[in-house]
Amino acid sequence: MGRGRGRFAAHSAGSHPNGRVNPFAIELLQKNRLPIEGLRSKSWDEFARPGAPKLDFSEAKVKPAAAFYSTDLREFILPYDAVRAAASPDDTLLDFLQSTYEAAADRAQ
């Protein structure tokens, strides 16, 4: 079992769900030996409804430096300009995904 030892569930959503899970998210999950079966593309709106999971990582430190946790949106934010300006946008996105995974896993310990 992963670092969270079954004590939390990970959630992900976006502004424009397109029916497929982001390939970078799949890569990160596989890298961390987490299951990918049953994953689906979903909207942020699912986390704004009554009964939605409570998410608070406001103290989490994530990469790159421009990334942060929005307490209003209740999700990690990686500004597009930070990715666009990076020497390696793919590596920047993967670093962001890995660091947000680690923030969640550390919080669950």
N, C-alpha and C. Protein backbone atom coordinates (compact mmCIF):
# COMPACT_ATOMS: atom_id res chain seq x y z
N MET A 1 0.85 -1.17 0.00
CA MET A 1 0.00 0.00 0.00
C MET A 1 0.90 1.24 0.00
N GLY A 2 0.40 2.35 -0.53
CA GLY A 2 1.17 3.57 -0.66
C GLY A 2 1.41 4.27 0.66
N ARG A 3 1.98 5.46 0.58
CA ARG A 3 2.36 6.22 1.77
C ARG A 3 1.18 6.57 2.66
N GLY A 4 0.02 6.76 2.08
CA GLY A 4 -1.15 7.13 2.86
C GLY A 4 -1.77 5.98 3.62
N ARG A 5 -1.34 4.76 3.30
CA ARG A 5 -1.79 3.55 4.00
C ARG A 5 -3.31 3.47 4.13
N GLY A 6 -4.02 3.84 3.06
CA GLY A 6 -5.47 3.70 3.05
C GLY A 6 -6.23 4.73 3.85
N ARG A 7 -5.55 5.76 4.36
CA ARG A 7 -6.21 6.74 5.22
C ARG A 7 -6.75 7.95 4.47
N PHE A 8 -6.57 8.01 3.17
CA PHE A 8 -7.11 9.12 2.41
C PHE A 8 -7.39 8.67 0.98
N ALA A 9 -8.20 9.44 0.31
CA ALA A 9 -8.50 9.18 -1.10
C ALA A 9 -8.03 10.39 -1.90
N ALA A 10 -7.40 10.14 -3.02
CA ALA A 10 -6.95 11.22 -3.89
C ALA A 10 -8.08 11.59 -4.85
N HIS A 11 -8.15 12.87 -5.17
CA HIS A 11 -9.17 13.37 -6.08
C HIS A 11 -8.51 14.29 -7.09
N SER A 12 -9.05 14.30 -8.29
CA SER A 12 -8.52 15.18 -9.32
C SER A 12 -9.66 15.59 -10.24
N ALA A 13 -9.62 16.82 -10.69
CA ALA A 13 -10.63 17.31 -11.61
C ALA A 13 -10.07 18.50 -12.38
N GLY A 14 -10.79 18.92 -13.38
CA GLY A 14 -10.34 20.04 -14.19
C GLY A 14 -11.49 20.90 -14.66
N SER A 15 -11.16 21.98 -15.34
CA SER A 15 -12.19 22.91 -15.79
C SER A 15 -12.92 22.41 -17.03
N HIS A 16 -12.25 21.58 -17.82
CA HIS A 16 -12.85 21.08 -19.07
C HIS A 16 -12.64 19.58 -19.20
N PRO A 17 -13.39 18.77 -18.46
CA PRO A 17 -13.19 17.33 -18.58
C PRO A 17 -13.46 16.88 -20.02
N ASN A 18 -12.58 16.03 -20.51
CA ASN A 18 -12.69 15.64 -21.92
C ASN A 18 -12.92 14.13 -22.11
N GLY A 19 -13.21 13.44 -21.02
CA GLY A 19 -13.49 12.02 -21.14
C GLY A 19 -12.29 11.12 -20.95
N ARG A 20 -11.10 11.71 -20.82
CA ARG A 20 -9.92 10.88 -20.57
C ARG A 20 -9.07 11.51 -19.48
N VAL A 21 -8.42 10.65 -18.70
CA VAL A 21 -7.57 11.11 -17.61
C VAL A 21 -6.27 11.65 -18.19
N ASN A 22 -5.77 12.73 -17.63
CA ASN A 22 -4.52 13.34 -18.09
C ASN A 22 -3.40 12.30 -18.10
N PRO A 23 -2.71 12.15 -19.24
CA PRO A 23 -1.63 11.15 -19.31
C PRO A 23 -0.52 11.38 -18.30
N PHE A 24 -0.25 12.62 -17.91
CA PHE A 24 0.77 12.87 -16.90
C PHE A 24 0.31 12.32 -15.55
N ALA A 25 -0.98 12.44 -15.25
CA ALA A 25 -1.51 11.89 -14.00
C ALA A 25 -1.39 10.37 -14.01
N ILE A 26 -1.70 9.74 -15.14
CA ILE A 26 -1.55 8.28 -15.26
C ILE A 26 -0.10 7.88 -15.03
N GLU A 27 0.82 8.60 -15.65
CA GLU A 27 2.25 8.30 -15.49
C GLU A 27 2.68 8.40 -14.03
N LEU A 28 2.23 9.45 -13.35
CA LEU A 28 2.59 9.63 -11.94
C LEU A 28 2.02 8.51 -11.08
N LEU A 29 0.77 8.16 -11.30
CA LEU A 29 0.16 7.08 -10.52
C LEU A 29 0.90 5.76 -10.74
N GLN A 30 1.22 5.46 -11.99
CA GLN A 30 1.94 4.22 -12.28
C GLN A 30 3.33 4.25 -11.65
N LYS A 31 4.00 5.40 -11.70
CA LYS A 31 5.33 5.53 -11.11
C LYS A 31 5.28 5.23 -9.60
N ASN A 32 4.19 5.59 -8.97
CA ASN A 32 4.03 5.37 -7.53
C ASN A 32 3.26 4.09 -7.21
N ARG A 33 3.15 3.24 -8.20
CA ARG A 33 2.50 1.93 -8.07
C ARG A 33 1.10 2.02 -7.48
N LEU A 34 0.32 2.99 -8.00
CA LEU A 34 -1.06 3.15 -7.56
C LEU A 34 -1.99 2.69 -8.68
N PRO A 35 -3.16 2.17 -8.33
CA PRO A 35 -4.07 1.66 -9.35
C PRO A 35 -4.63 2.78 -10.22
N ILE A 36 -4.85 2.48 -11.48
CA ILE A 36 -5.43 3.46 -12.40
C ILE A 36 -6.79 3.00 -12.94
N GLU A 37 -7.22 1.79 -12.56
CA GLU A 37 -8.49 1.28 -13.03
C GLU A 37 -9.64 2.13 -12.49
N GLY A 38 -10.62 2.40 -13.32
CA GLY A 38 -11.81 3.11 -12.89
C GLY A 38 -11.67 4.62 -12.82
N LEU A 39 -10.51 5.16 -13.19
CA LEU A 39 -10.35 6.61 -13.17
C LEU A 39 -11.16 7.22 -14.30
N ARG A 40 -11.62 8.45 -14.10
CA ARG A 40 -12.40 9.13 -15.13
C ARG A 40 -12.13 10.62 -15.10
N SER A 41 -12.42 11.24 -16.19
CA SER A 41 -12.32 12.69 -16.29
C SER A 41 -13.54 13.30 -15.59
N LYS A 42 -13.31 14.32 -14.76
CA LYS A 42 -14.44 14.94 -14.06
C LYS A 42 -14.21 16.45 -13.89
N SER A 43 -15.29 17.13 -13.59
CA SER A 43 -15.27 18.58 -13.45
C SER A 43 -14.99 19.00 -12.01
N TRP A 44 -14.41 20.20 -11.87
CA TRP A 44 -14.22 20.81 -10.56
C TRP A 44 -15.54 20.90 -9.81
N ASP A 45 -16.63 21.06 -10.57
CA ASP A 45 -17.94 21.25 -9.95
C ASP A 45 -18.30 20.13 -8.98
N GLU A 46 -17.79 18.94 -9.22
CA GLU A 46 -18.08 17.81 -8.33
C GLU A 46 -17.57 18.07 -6.91
N PHE A 47 -16.57 18.93 -6.76
CA PHE A 47 -15.99 19.20 -5.45
C PHE A 47 -16.58 20.45 -4.80
N ALA A 48 -17.52 21.07 -5.47
CA ALA A 48 -18.18 22.25 -4.92
C ALA A 48 -19.58 21.91 -4.40
N ARG A 49 -20.01 20.69 -4.62
CA ARG A 49 -21.35 20.27 -4.20
C ARG A 49 -21.38 19.92 -2.72
N PRO A 50 -22.57 19.99 -2.12
CA PRO A 50 -22.69 19.53 -0.73
C PRO A 50 -22.25 18.07 -0.62
N GLY A 51 -21.53 17.77 0.43
CA GLY A 51 -21.05 16.41 0.64
C GLY A 51 -19.75 16.09 -0.06
N ALA A 52 -19.18 17.06 -0.78
CA ALA A 52 -17.91 16.84 -1.47
C ALA A 52 -16.80 16.66 -0.43
N PRO A 53 -15.75 15.93 -0.79
CA PRO A 53 -14.65 15.74 0.16
C PRO A 53 -14.06 17.08 0.59
N LYS A 54 -13.71 17.19 1.86
CA LYS A 54 -13.04 18.38 2.38
C LYS A 54 -11.55 18.27 2.08
N LEU A 55 -11.02 19.27 1.43
CA LEU A 55 -9.61 19.28 1.04
C LEU A 55 -8.95 20.53 1.59
N ASP A 56 -7.89 20.39 2.34
CA ASP A 56 -7.16 21.56 2.85
C ASP A 56 -5.68 21.23 2.94
N PHE A 57 -4.95 21.77 2.00
CA PHE A 57 -3.51 21.59 1.96
C PHE A 57 -2.82 22.95 1.93
N SER A 58 -3.44 23.92 2.62
CA SER A 58 -2.96 25.30 2.53
C SER A 58 -1.52 25.48 3.00
N GLU A 59 -1.01 24.57 3.82
CA GLU A 59 0.37 24.67 4.30
C GLU A 59 1.35 23.86 3.46
N ALA A 60 0.85 23.14 2.48
CA ALA A 60 1.70 22.25 1.68
C ALA A 60 2.67 23.05 0.80
N LYS A 61 3.88 22.56 0.74
CA LYS A 61 4.90 23.14 -0.13
C LYS A 61 5.01 22.25 -1.37
N VAL A 62 4.75 22.84 -2.52
CA VAL A 62 4.79 22.08 -3.77
C VAL A 62 5.70 22.77 -4.77
N LYS A 63 6.05 22.02 -5.81
CA LYS A 63 6.93 22.53 -6.87
C LYS A 63 6.12 22.74 -8.14
N PRO A 64 6.55 23.68 -8.98
CA PRO A 64 7.61 24.68 -8.82
C PRO A 64 7.17 25.78 -7.86
N ALA A 65 8.03 26.76 -7.67
CA ALA A 65 7.76 27.83 -6.70
C ALA A 65 6.46 28.58 -7.00
N ALA A 66 6.06 28.64 -8.25
CA ALA A 66 4.84 29.36 -8.63
C ALA A 66 3.56 28.59 -8.27
N ALA A 67 3.68 27.31 -7.95
CA ALA A 67 2.51 26.49 -7.62
C ALA A 67 2.06 26.77 -6.19
N PHE A 68 0.77 26.56 -5.94
CA PHE A 68 0.23 26.81 -4.60
C PHE A 68 -1.10 26.08 -4.43
N TYR A 69 -1.57 26.03 -3.19
CA TYR A 69 -2.88 25.48 -2.89
C TYR A 69 -3.86 26.62 -2.71
N SER A 70 -4.95 26.61 -3.45
CA SER A 70 -5.98 27.65 -3.34
C SER A 70 -7.03 27.19 -2.34
N THR A 71 -7.18 27.93 -1.25
CA THR A 71 -8.21 27.57 -0.28
C THR A 71 -9.60 27.89 -0.81
N ASP A 72 -9.71 28.84 -1.74
CA ASP A 72 -11.01 29.15 -2.34
C ASP A 72 -11.47 28.03 -3.26
N LEU A 73 -10.56 27.55 -4.10
CA LEU A 73 -10.91 26.48 -5.05
C LEU A 73 -10.74 25.09 -4.45
N ARG A 74 -9.99 25.01 -3.33
CA ARG A 74 -9.68 23.75 -2.66
C ARG A 74 -8.94 22.79 -3.58
N GLU A 75 -7.92 23.32 -4.23
CA GLU A 75 -7.08 22.49 -5.10
C GLU A 75 -5.73 23.16 -5.32
N PHE A 76 -4.77 22.35 -5.73
CA PHE A 76 -3.46 22.87 -6.08
C PHE A 76 -3.55 23.56 -7.43
N ILE A 77 -2.82 24.64 -7.56
CA ILE A 77 -2.82 25.42 -8.80
C ILE A 77 -1.39 25.51 -9.33
N LEU A 78 -1.23 25.23 -10.60
CA LEU A 78 0.03 25.43 -11.29
C LEU A 78 -0.27 26.41 -12.43
N PRO A 79 0.14 27.67 -12.28
CA PRO A 79 -0.16 28.65 -13.32
C PRO A 79 0.41 28.25 -14.67
N TYR A 80 -0.39 28.45 -15.68
CA TYR A 80 0.01 28.10 -17.04
C TYR A 80 1.34 28.77 -17.43
N ASP A 81 1.49 30.03 -17.05
CA ASP A 81 2.72 30.75 -17.41
C ASP A 81 3.97 30.10 -16.82
N ALA A 82 3.84 29.48 -15.66
CA ALA A 82 5.00 28.80 -15.05
C ALA A 82 5.42 27.60 -15.89
N VAL A 83 4.46 26.91 -16.45
CA VAL A 83 4.77 25.76 -17.31
C VAL A 83 5.32 26.25 -18.64
N ARG A 84 4.66 27.24 -19.21
CA ARG A 84 5.06 27.76 -20.51
C ARG A 84 6.47 28.32 -20.50
N ALA A 85 6.86 28.97 -19.40
CA ALA A 85 8.18 29.60 -19.32
C ALA A 85 9.28 28.64 -18.89
N ALA A 86 8.92 27.44 -18.49
CA ALA A 86 9.91 26.48 -17.98
C ALA A 86 10.82 25.97 -19.10
N ALA A 87 12.06 25.67 -18.73
CA ALA A 87 12.99 25.08 -19.69
C ALA A 87 12.47 23.73 -20.19
N SER A 88 11.82 22.99 -19.31
CA SER A 88 11.22 21.70 -19.68
C SER A 88 9.79 21.66 -19.12
N PRO A 89 8.81 22.07 -19.92
CA PRO A 89 7.43 22.05 -19.44
C PRO A 89 6.97 20.68 -18.95
N ASP A 90 7.36 19.62 -19.63
CA ASP A 90 6.96 18.27 -19.21
C ASP A 90 7.50 17.95 -17.82
N ASP A 91 8.78 18.25 -17.59
CA ASP A 91 9.37 17.99 -16.28
C ASP A 91 8.74 18.87 -15.20
N THR A 92 8.42 20.10 -15.54
CA THR A 92 7.78 21.01 -14.59
C THR A 92 6.43 20.46 -14.17
N LEU A 93 5.65 19.98 -15.13
CA LEU A 93 4.35 19.42 -14.80
C LEU A 93 4.49 18.14 -13.97
N LEU A 94 5.42 17.29 -14.33
CA LEU A 94 5.63 16.07 -13.55
C LEU A 94 6.11 16.38 -12.13
N ASP A 95 6.98 17.38 -11.98
CA ASP A 95 7.41 17.81 -10.63
C ASP A 95 6.22 18.28 -9.81
N PHE A 96 5.33 19.05 -10.44
CA PHE A 96 4.13 19.54 -9.77
C PHE A 96 3.26 18.36 -9.31
N LEU A 97 3.02 17.43 -10.21
CA LEU A 97 2.18 16.28 -9.87
C LEU A 97 2.81 15.44 -8.77
N GLN A 98 4.12 15.22 -8.85
CA GLN A 98 4.80 14.42 -7.82
C GLN A 98 4.75 15.13 -6.47
N SER A 99 4.98 16.43 -6.46
CA SER A 99 5.01 17.16 -5.19
C SER A 99 3.61 17.25 -4.57
N THR A 100 2.56 17.35 -5.38
CA THR A 100 1.21 17.36 -4.81
C THR A 100 0.83 15.98 -4.28
N TYR A 101 1.28 14.95 -4.95
CA TYR A 101 1.09 13.58 -4.44
C TYR A 101 1.77 13.43 -3.09
N GLU A 102 3.01 13.89 -3.00
CA GLU A 102 3.77 13.76 -1.75
C GLU A 102 3.13 14.59 -0.63
N ALA A 103 2.61 15.77 -0.97
CA ALA A 103 1.94 16.59 0.04
C ALA A 103 0.73 15.85 0.62
N ALA A 104 -0.04 15.22 -0.24
CA ALA A 104 -1.21 14.47 0.23
C ALA A 104 -0.78 13.25 1.04
N ALA A 105 0.22 12.54 0.56
CA ALA A 105 0.69 11.34 1.26
C ALA A 105 1.27 11.70 2.62
N ASP A 106 2.03 12.77 2.69
CA ASP A 106 2.62 13.19 3.98
C ASP A 106 1.53 13.60 4.97
N ARG A 107 0.48 14.25 4.48
CA ARG A 107 -0.61 14.69 5.35
C ARG A 107 -1.34 13.48 5.93
N ALA A 108 -1.38 12.40 5.20
CA ALA A 108 -2.12 11.21 5.64
C ALA A 108 -1.34 10.41 6.68
N GLN A 109 -0.04 10.66 6.82
CA GLN A 109 0.78 9.86 7.74
C GLN A 109 0.60 10.30 9.17
